[in-house]
Amino acid sequence: MFRVQRAGVASKAAWQTICTNSSAAYARGIYQRQLKINSVGRFRLLDPADKVLAEAKAQPLFQREESDDEQRAPTYYTPPAVTPRSG
């Protein structure tokens, strides 16, 4: 069984299994999704022999690369300029 595990921010935090699945593709998808939706923590993907296939830290939302494929709406709204009416 492939496993996805998460550890907290502290360097001595214990690993906690958050997903177990027999499909490598499914487990890798969960691993990648966790990296995208979480802003803190460490994640790793393990194979059935408990060998670490991938390990990474989650990145804070506002420090992500511009190359992210996710499109975000602006967090501010600027109304159009108002032109005065004569009269």
Protein backbone atom coordinates (compact mmCIF):
# COMPACT_ATOMS: atom_id res chain seq x y z
CA MET A 1 0.00 0.00 0.00
CA PHE A 2 1.22 3.47 -0.89
CA ARG A 3 0.94 6.04 1.90
CA VAL A 4 0.88 9.82 2.13
CA GLN A 5 2.09 11.20 5.44
CA ARG A 6 2.12 14.63 7.04
CA ALA A 7 4.28 16.12 9.77
CA GLY A 8 3.89 19.46 11.48
CA VAL A 9 6.20 22.41 11.19
CA ALA A 10 8.40 21.41 14.14
CA SER A 11 11.48 19.42 13.17
CA LYS A 12 10.68 16.64 15.66
CA ALA A 13 7.00 16.34 14.75
CA ALA A 14 5.81 12.76 14.22
CA TRP A 15 4.64 11.62 10.80
CA GLN A 16 0.91 10.92 10.56
CA THR A 17 -0.61 8.87 7.73
CA ILE A 18 -3.38 10.80 5.97
CA CYS A 19 -3.95 8.48 2.98
CA THR A 20 -3.39 4.79 2.20
CA ASN A 21 -4.12 3.37 -1.25
CA SER A 22 -2.96 0.52 -3.46
CA SER A 23 -2.67 2.82 -6.51
CA ALA A 24 0.57 4.76 -6.89
CA ALA A 25 -1.11 7.32 -9.17
CA TYR A 26 -3.90 7.98 -6.67
CA ALA A 27 -1.47 8.36 -3.75
CA ARG A 28 0.77 10.70 -5.78
CA GLY A 29 -2.27 12.81 -6.66
CA ILE A 30 -3.21 13.11 -2.98
CA TYR A 31 0.40 14.02 -2.14
CA GLN A 32 0.50 16.78 -4.77
CA ARG A 33 -2.93 18.09 -3.73
CA GLN A 34 -1.85 18.31 -0.10
CA LEU A 35 1.19 20.38 -1.11
CA LYS A 36 -1.07 22.81 -2.96
CA ILE A 37 -3.90 23.22 -0.46
CA ASN A 38 -1.86 23.39 2.74
CA SER A 39 0.26 26.39 3.64
CA VAL A 40 2.35 24.71 6.36
CA GLY A 41 3.68 21.25 7.11
CA ARG A 42 5.85 18.58 5.53
CA PHE A 43 4.50 15.81 3.33
CA ARG A 44 5.95 12.59 1.98
CA LEU A 45 4.91 9.74 -0.28
CA LEU A 46 5.93 6.18 0.69
CA ASP A 47 5.88 3.01 -1.41
CA PRO A 48 4.70 -0.38 -0.05
CA ALA A 49 8.24 -1.12 1.22
CA ASP A 50 8.24 2.17 3.22
CA LYS A 51 10.77 3.76 0.86
CA VAL A 52 10.30 7.54 0.55
CA LEU A 53 9.39 8.33 -3.06
CA ALA A 54 8.87 12.08 -2.58
CA GLU A 55 9.11 14.55 0.27
CA ALA A 56 8.48 18.30 0.34
CA LYS A 57 7.38 21.22 2.49
CA ALA A 58 4.14 23.01 1.78
CA GLN A 59 4.66 26.56 0.57
CA PRO A 60 2.73 29.52 1.98
CA LEU A 61 0.04 30.72 -0.42
CA PHE A 62 1.60 34.10 -1.17
CA GLN A 63 5.11 32.74 -1.73
CA ARG A 64 4.21 30.36 -4.53
CA GLU A 65 5.81 30.65 -7.93
CA GLU A 66 4.22 32.63 -10.74
CA SER A 67 4.31 29.44 -12.80
CA ASP A 68 1.49 27.88 -10.75
CA ASP A 69 -1.21 26.74 -13.15
CA GLU A 70 -3.96 27.81 -10.78
CA GLN A 71 -5.63 31.08 -11.76
CA ARG A 72 -6.54 33.34 -8.86
CA ALA A 73 -8.91 36.28 -8.92
CA PRO A 74 -7.47 39.55 -7.64
CA THR A 75 -8.08 40.16 -3.95
CA TYR A 76 -8.99 43.79 -4.48
CA TYR A 77 -11.59 45.66 -6.52
CA THR A 78 -11.00 48.98 -8.18
CA PRO A 79 -14.17 50.57 -9.60
CA PRO A 80 -13.88 52.32 -12.93
CA ALA A 81 -13.14 56.03 -12.90
CA VAL A 82 -16.22 58.24 -12.71
CA THR A 83 -16.48 61.07 -15.19
CA PRO A 84 -18.51 64.08 -14.01
CA ARG A 85 -21.67 64.92 -15.94
CA SER A 86 -22.26 68.42 -17.09
CA GLY A 87 -25.53 69.90 -16.36
